Amino acid sequence: MVSTELLKRIALYGGALALGSAFLMRNRIQTSLAAGEYYKKSMEALSQDPTAMAALGAPPLKTRHLDLGDTEVNNVQPHLGYARLDIPVVGGRKKGTLRTNCTRDAATGVWTVEKLELFLENTGQTVTIVPPSSERR
């Protein structure tokens, strides 16, 4: 018969392994999303918009982890050519959420930022960011 001590150790190590694996997978997904062209173009458009940057008190500009559990808000379908993300951003004075809607041209594979808005926390202020003219259709 297996001792209770051994079963406790197996449960402890198994739980630690499961939690560690979940943490690594979450970080891998976060890194994968942040490496996407849709994410990079959205952040580039934000950093080039003086009104949005001033509203955040940026630079410095930092991003936080996406809410991976909210698949209605954070939904990326590269095979369908669609990406919608709420990217948490933090400036020197304020923080907010950068909401981006992007599409991918099926012929060229190039992602285009269709809509980009910055929602500031605590103030309720919304800054609509116009993508650079080179990205407009």
Foldseek 3Di string as FASTA:
>chain_A
DDDPVVVVVVVVVVVVVVVVVVVVVLVVVQVVVCPDPQNVQLVVLQVPDPVNCVVQQDDVKDWDGFPPVPCVQAPDDLVQFWGWGWIWMHHPHWTWTKTWIWGADPVPRDIATPWIWTQTPPPRDIDTGDRPPVRDD
